[in-house]
């Protein structure tokens, strides 16, 4: 269990999957809108496109809503899990950015 949880979960792949699904649903939503608007001119129904296009439109909206929540939720979870080890450090000493040896090397070279 030496690996952290943030390293074991493929957050980038999950985000890409949600983004691709969102893009496909958005494209299908646009195609659905075009098909429904073109069928409005030819049919005499109250809502053009028929029940298939209406049902497909609701499914697309549901997929886009699910993916939007998934993208935001996964992103927030990724940031929180990545920041957690910094808050849980057992040693509360200040980190030294430069060693004493590095300081003396630079002073001797001048």
N, C-alpha and C. Protein backbone atom coordinates (compact mmCIF):
# COMPACT_ATOMS: atom_id res chain seq x y z
N UNK A 1 0.82 -1.18 0.00
CA UNK A 1 0.00 0.00 0.00
C UNK A 1 0.87 1.25 0.00
N UNK A 2 1.98 1.18 -0.68
CA UNK A 2 2.87 2.33 -0.73
C UNK A 2 2.35 3.39 -1.69
N UNK A 3 1.51 3.00 -2.65
CA UNK A 3 0.95 3.97 -3.58
C UNK A 3 -0.21 4.71 -2.94
N UNK A 4 -0.32 5.98 -3.25
CA UNK A 4 -1.43 6.76 -2.74
C UNK A 4 -2.68 6.47 -3.57
N UNK A 5 -3.82 6.77 -3.01
CA UNK A 5 -5.09 6.52 -3.70
C UNK A 5 -5.17 7.33 -4.99
N UNK A 6 -4.67 8.54 -4.98
CA UNK A 6 -4.72 9.39 -6.16
C UNK A 6 -3.88 8.80 -7.30
N UNK A 7 -2.85 8.02 -6.97
CA UNK A 7 -2.03 7.40 -8.00
C UNK A 7 -2.65 6.12 -8.55
N UNK A 8 -3.51 5.48 -7.77
CA UNK A 8 -4.11 4.21 -8.20
C UNK A 8 -5.36 4.40 -9.04
N UNK A 9 -6.06 5.51 -8.89
CA UNK A 9 -7.28 5.76 -9.65
C UNK A 9 -6.93 6.54 -10.91
N UNK A 10 -7.34 6.05 -12.08
CA UNK A 10 -7.01 6.75 -13.33
C UNK A 10 -7.96 7.93 -13.60
N UNK A 11 -7.76 9.01 -12.86
CA UNK A 11 -8.66 10.16 -12.97
C UNK A 11 -8.66 10.76 -14.38
N UNK A 12 -7.52 10.81 -15.02
CA UNK A 12 -7.45 11.41 -16.36
C UNK A 12 -8.28 10.61 -17.35
N UNK A 13 -8.22 9.29 -17.27
CA UNK A 13 -9.00 8.44 -18.18
C UNK A 13 -10.49 8.59 -17.91
N UNK A 14 -10.86 8.71 -16.66
CA UNK A 14 -12.27 8.89 -16.32
C UNK A 14 -12.78 10.22 -16.86
N UNK A 15 -11.99 11.27 -16.68
CA UNK A 15 -12.39 12.59 -17.19
C UNK A 15 -12.50 12.60 -18.71
N UNK A 16 -11.57 11.94 -19.38
CA UNK A 16 -11.62 11.87 -20.84
C UNK A 16 -12.86 11.11 -21.29
N UNK A 17 -13.19 10.03 -20.60
CA UNK A 17 -14.39 9.26 -20.93
C UNK A 17 -15.66 10.09 -20.77
N UNK A 18 -15.76 10.81 -19.67
CA UNK A 18 -16.91 11.69 -19.47
C UNK A 18 -16.96 12.78 -20.54
N UNK A 19 -15.82 13.35 -20.88
CA UNK A 19 -15.79 14.42 -21.88
C UNK A 19 -16.19 13.90 -23.26
N UNK A 20 -15.74 12.71 -23.62
CA UNK A 20 -16.11 12.14 -24.92
C UNK A 20 -17.60 11.86 -24.96
N UNK A 21 -18.14 11.26 -23.90
CA UNK A 21 -19.58 10.98 -23.86
C UNK A 21 -20.39 12.27 -23.91
N UNK A 22 -19.92 13.30 -23.22
CA UNK A 22 -20.61 14.59 -23.25
C UNK A 22 -20.60 15.17 -24.66
N UNK A 23 -19.45 15.10 -25.33
CA UNK A 23 -19.35 15.62 -26.70
C UNK A 23 -20.23 14.88 -27.68
N UNK A 24 -20.28 13.56 -27.56
CA UNK A 24 -21.12 12.76 -28.45
C UNK A 24 -22.60 13.10 -28.20
N UNK A 25 -22.99 13.19 -26.94
CA UNK A 25 -24.39 13.53 -26.63
C UNK A 25 -24.73 14.93 -27.11
N UNK A 26 -23.79 15.86 -27.00
CA UNK A 26 -24.03 17.22 -27.48
C UNK A 26 -24.19 17.23 -29.00
N UNK A 27 -23.35 16.47 -29.70
CA UNK A 27 -23.48 16.38 -31.15
C UNK A 27 -24.79 15.75 -31.59
N UNK A 28 -25.19 14.69 -30.88
CA UNK A 28 -26.47 14.06 -31.20
C UNK A 28 -27.63 14.97 -30.89
N UNK A 29 -27.49 15.79 -29.87
CA UNK A 29 -28.53 16.75 -29.53
C UNK A 29 -28.69 17.77 -30.66
N UNK A 30 -27.59 18.24 -31.20
CA UNK A 30 -27.66 19.15 -32.34
C UNK A 30 -28.26 18.50 -33.57
N UNK A 31 -27.88 17.25 -33.82
CA UNK A 31 -28.45 16.52 -34.95
C UNK A 31 -29.94 16.30 -34.74
N UNK A 32 -30.33 15.98 -33.54
CA UNK A 32 -31.74 15.80 -33.20
C UNK A 32 -32.52 17.08 -33.44
N UNK A 33 -31.93 18.21 -33.06
CA UNK A 33 -32.59 19.51 -33.25
C UNK A 33 -32.79 19.80 -34.73
N UNK A 34 -31.79 19.50 -35.54
CA UNK A 34 -31.91 19.72 -36.99
C UNK A 34 -32.98 18.82 -37.57
N UNK A 35 -33.00 17.55 -37.17
CA UNK A 35 -34.00 16.63 -37.69
C UNK A 35 -35.40 17.03 -37.26
N UNK A 36 -35.54 17.48 -36.02
CA UNK A 36 -36.87 17.89 -35.56
C UNK A 36 -37.33 19.16 -36.26
N UNK A 37 -36.43 20.09 -36.52
CA UNK A 37 -36.84 21.33 -37.19
C UNK A 37 -37.19 21.08 -38.65
N UNK A 38 -36.49 20.14 -39.28
CA UNK A 38 -36.82 19.84 -40.68
C UNK A 38 -38.12 19.06 -40.77
N UNK A 39 -38.43 18.27 -39.77
CA UNK A 39 -39.69 17.51 -39.81
C UNK A 39 -40.88 18.36 -39.41
N UNK A 40 -40.64 19.50 -38.77
CA UNK A 40 -41.75 20.40 -38.42
C UNK A 40 -42.40 20.98 -39.66
N UNK A 41 -41.60 21.18 -40.70
CA UNK A 41 -42.12 21.77 -41.92
C UNK A 41 -42.95 20.77 -42.72
N UNK A 42 -42.72 19.48 -42.56
CA UNK A 42 -43.39 18.49 -43.40
C UNK A 42 -44.53 17.77 -42.69
N UNK A 43 -44.50 17.70 -41.36
CA UNK A 43 -45.56 16.96 -40.68
C UNK A 43 -46.58 17.92 -40.09
N UNK A 44 -47.74 17.38 -39.79
CA UNK A 44 -48.80 18.19 -39.23
C UNK A 44 -49.02 17.86 -37.76
N UNK A 45 -48.03 17.24 -37.13
CA UNK A 45 -48.14 16.92 -35.71
C UNK A 45 -47.90 18.18 -34.89
N UNK A 46 -48.37 18.13 -33.66
CA UNK A 46 -48.16 19.28 -32.79
C UNK A 46 -46.68 19.45 -32.46
N UNK A 47 -46.01 18.36 -32.13
CA UNK A 47 -44.57 18.37 -31.89
C UNK A 47 -43.94 17.51 -32.97
N UNK A 48 -43.18 18.12 -33.84
CA UNK A 48 -42.60 17.38 -34.96
C UNK A 48 -41.52 16.42 -34.53
N UNK A 49 -41.21 15.50 -35.40
CA UNK A 49 -40.14 14.54 -35.16
C UNK A 49 -40.62 13.22 -34.63
N UNK A 50 -41.79 13.16 -34.13
CA UNK A 50 -42.32 11.90 -33.64
C UNK A 50 -41.77 11.51 -32.29
N UNK A 51 -42.28 10.42 -31.74
CA UNK A 51 -41.88 10.01 -30.39
C UNK A 51 -40.43 9.53 -30.30
N UNK A 52 -39.90 9.00 -31.39
CA UNK A 52 -38.52 8.51 -31.36
C UNK A 52 -37.53 9.65 -31.14
N UNK A 53 -37.68 10.73 -31.90
CA UNK A 53 -36.76 11.86 -31.74
C UNK A 53 -36.96 12.56 -30.40
N UNK A 54 -38.18 12.61 -29.91
CA UNK A 54 -38.41 13.22 -28.60
C UNK A 54 -37.75 12.39 -27.50
N UNK A 55 -37.91 11.08 -27.57
CA UNK A 55 -37.29 10.20 -26.57
C UNK A 55 -35.77 10.29 -26.65
N UNK A 56 -35.25 10.30 -27.88
CA UNK A 56 -33.80 10.42 -28.06
C UNK A 56 -33.28 11.74 -27.48
N UNK A 57 -34.05 12.80 -27.63
CA UNK A 57 -33.67 14.09 -27.07
C UNK A 57 -33.57 14.05 -25.55
N UNK A 58 -34.52 13.40 -24.90
CA UNK A 58 -34.49 13.29 -23.44
C UNK A 58 -33.32 12.43 -22.98
N UNK A 59 -33.03 11.37 -23.73
CA UNK A 59 -31.88 10.51 -23.37
C UNK A 59 -30.58 11.30 -23.51
N UNK A 60 -30.46 12.08 -24.57
CA UNK A 60 -29.25 12.89 -24.77
C UNK A 60 -29.09 13.91 -23.65
N UNK A 61 -30.16 14.55 -23.26
CA UNK A 61 -30.08 15.51 -22.16
C UNK A 61 -29.67 14.83 -20.86
N UNK A 62 -30.20 13.63 -20.62
CA UNK A 62 -29.84 12.91 -19.40
C UNK A 62 -28.36 12.52 -19.42
N UNK A 63 -27.86 12.08 -20.57
CA UNK A 63 -26.44 11.71 -20.68
C UNK A 63 -25.56 12.94 -20.47
N UNK A 64 -25.95 14.07 -21.05
CA UNK A 64 -25.16 15.29 -20.87
C UNK A 64 -25.16 15.75 -19.41
N UNK A 65 -26.30 15.65 -18.74
CA UNK A 65 -26.36 16.05 -17.33
C UNK A 65 -25.51 15.12 -16.48
N UNK A 66 -25.59 13.82 -16.73
CA UNK A 66 -24.79 12.85 -15.99
C UNK A 66 -23.30 13.09 -16.21
N UNK A 67 -22.91 13.34 -17.44
CA UNK A 67 -21.49 13.57 -17.75
C UNK A 67 -21.00 14.88 -17.15
N UNK A 68 -21.83 15.91 -17.16
CA UNK A 68 -21.42 17.19 -16.56
C UNK A 68 -21.18 17.03 -15.07
N UNK A 69 -22.08 16.32 -14.40
CA UNK A 69 -21.90 16.06 -12.96
C UNK A 69 -20.67 15.19 -12.74
N UNK A 70 -20.46 14.21 -13.61
CA UNK A 70 -19.28 13.35 -13.49
C UNK A 70 -17.97 14.09 -13.70
N UNK A 71 -17.94 15.00 -14.66
CA UNK A 71 -16.73 15.77 -14.92
C UNK A 71 -16.40 16.66 -13.73
N UNK A 72 -17.40 17.37 -13.22
CA UNK A 72 -17.16 18.26 -12.07
C UNK A 72 -16.79 17.44 -10.83
N UNK A 73 -17.54 16.38 -10.57
CA UNK A 73 -17.28 15.55 -9.39
C UNK A 73 -15.92 14.88 -9.42
N UNK A 74 -15.55 14.34 -10.57
CA UNK A 74 -14.25 13.70 -10.69
C UNK A 74 -13.12 14.71 -10.56
N UNK A 75 -13.29 15.87 -11.15
CA UNK A 75 -12.27 16.91 -11.04
C UNK A 75 -12.06 17.37 -9.60
N UNK A 76 -13.16 17.59 -8.89
CA UNK A 76 -13.06 18.01 -7.49
C UNK A 76 -12.43 16.91 -6.65
N UNK A 77 -12.86 15.68 -6.86
CA UNK A 77 -12.30 14.55 -6.11
C UNK A 77 -10.81 14.39 -6.38
N UNK A 78 -10.41 14.57 -7.62
CA UNK A 78 -8.99 14.45 -7.99
C UNK A 78 -8.17 15.51 -7.27
N UNK A 79 -8.64 16.75 -7.26
CA UNK A 79 -7.91 17.83 -6.59
C UNK A 79 -7.84 17.59 -5.08
N UNK A 80 -8.95 17.17 -4.49
CA UNK A 80 -8.97 16.94 -3.04
C UNK A 80 -8.04 15.79 -2.66
N UNK A 81 -8.09 14.68 -3.40
CA UNK A 81 -7.23 13.54 -3.08
C UNK A 81 -5.75 13.85 -3.34
N UNK A 82 -5.49 14.69 -4.32
CA UNK A 82 -4.09 15.07 -4.59
C UNK A 82 -3.56 15.99 -3.49
N UNK A 83 -4.43 16.78 -2.88
CA UNK A 83 -3.99 17.71 -1.83
C UNK A 83 -3.94 17.07 -0.45
N UNK A 84 -4.59 15.96 -0.25
CA UNK A 84 -4.66 15.34 1.08
C UNK A 84 -3.30 14.95 1.66
N UNK A 85 -2.37 14.37 0.92
CA UNK A 85 -1.09 14.03 1.53
C UNK A 85 -0.33 15.23 2.08
N UNK A 86 -0.52 16.38 1.50
CA UNK A 86 0.17 17.58 1.98
C UNK A 86 -0.35 17.98 3.36
N UNK A 87 -1.61 17.71 3.62
CA UNK A 87 -2.19 18.06 4.92
C UNK A 87 -1.92 16.99 5.98
N UNK A 88 -1.65 15.77 5.55
CA UNK A 88 -1.47 14.66 6.48
C UNK A 88 0.00 14.34 6.76
N UNK A 89 0.90 15.24 6.47
CA UNK A 89 2.32 14.97 6.71
C UNK A 89 2.57 14.82 8.19
N UNK A 90 3.33 13.80 8.55
CA UNK A 90 3.61 13.55 9.97
C UNK A 90 4.69 14.48 10.50
N UNK A 91 5.66 14.78 9.68
CA UNK A 91 6.71 15.70 10.15
C UNK A 91 6.28 17.13 9.82
N UNK A 92 6.19 17.93 10.82
CA UNK A 92 5.73 19.31 10.67
C UNK A 92 6.88 20.29 10.51
N UNK A 93 8.05 19.79 10.21
CA UNK A 93 9.20 20.68 10.01
C UNK A 93 9.07 21.38 8.66
N UNK A 94 9.70 22.51 8.57
CA UNK A 94 9.70 23.21 7.30
C UNK A 94 10.60 22.47 6.33
N UNK A 95 10.16 22.44 5.09
CA UNK A 95 10.99 21.82 4.08
C UNK A 95 12.08 22.80 3.67
N UNK A 96 13.26 22.26 3.49
CA UNK A 96 14.37 23.09 3.04
C UNK A 96 14.50 22.94 1.53
N UNK A 97 14.42 24.04 0.86
CA UNK A 97 14.51 23.99 -0.58
C UNK A 97 15.95 23.85 -1.06
N UNK A 98 16.86 24.43 -0.33
CA UNK A 98 18.27 24.35 -0.68
C UNK A 98 19.04 23.77 0.49
N UNK A 99 19.93 22.86 0.22
CA UNK A 99 20.78 22.30 1.28
C UNK A 99 21.87 23.30 1.62
N UNK A 100 22.47 23.11 2.79
CA UNK A 100 23.59 23.97 3.19
C UNK A 100 24.77 23.80 2.24
N UNK A 101 24.94 22.59 1.73
CA UNK A 101 26.05 22.33 0.81
C UNK A 101 25.90 23.16 -0.45
N UNK A 102 24.69 23.29 -0.94
CA UNK A 102 24.47 24.07 -2.15
C UNK A 102 24.80 25.54 -1.91
N UNK A 103 24.46 26.05 -0.75
CA UNK A 103 24.76 27.44 -0.42
C UNK A 103 26.27 27.67 -0.41
N UNK A 104 27.02 26.76 0.21
CA UNK A 104 28.47 26.95 0.30
C UNK A 104 29.13 26.81 -1.06
N UNK A 105 28.62 25.94 -1.91
CA UNK A 105 29.19 25.79 -3.25
C UNK A 105 29.06 27.09 -4.03
N UNK A 106 27.89 27.70 -3.94
CA UNK A 106 27.67 28.95 -4.70
C UNK A 106 28.51 30.08 -4.13
N UNK A 107 28.72 30.11 -2.83
CA UNK A 107 29.51 31.17 -2.24
C UNK A 107 31.00 30.98 -2.56
N UNK A 108 31.47 29.75 -2.64
CA UNK A 108 32.87 29.49 -2.96
C UNK A 108 33.18 29.78 -4.42
N UNK A 109 32.21 29.66 -5.29
CA UNK A 109 32.45 29.89 -6.72
C UNK A 109 32.53 31.36 -7.06
N UNK A 110 32.03 32.23 -6.22
CA UNK A 110 32.06 33.67 -6.50
C UNK A 110 33.39 34.24 -6.31
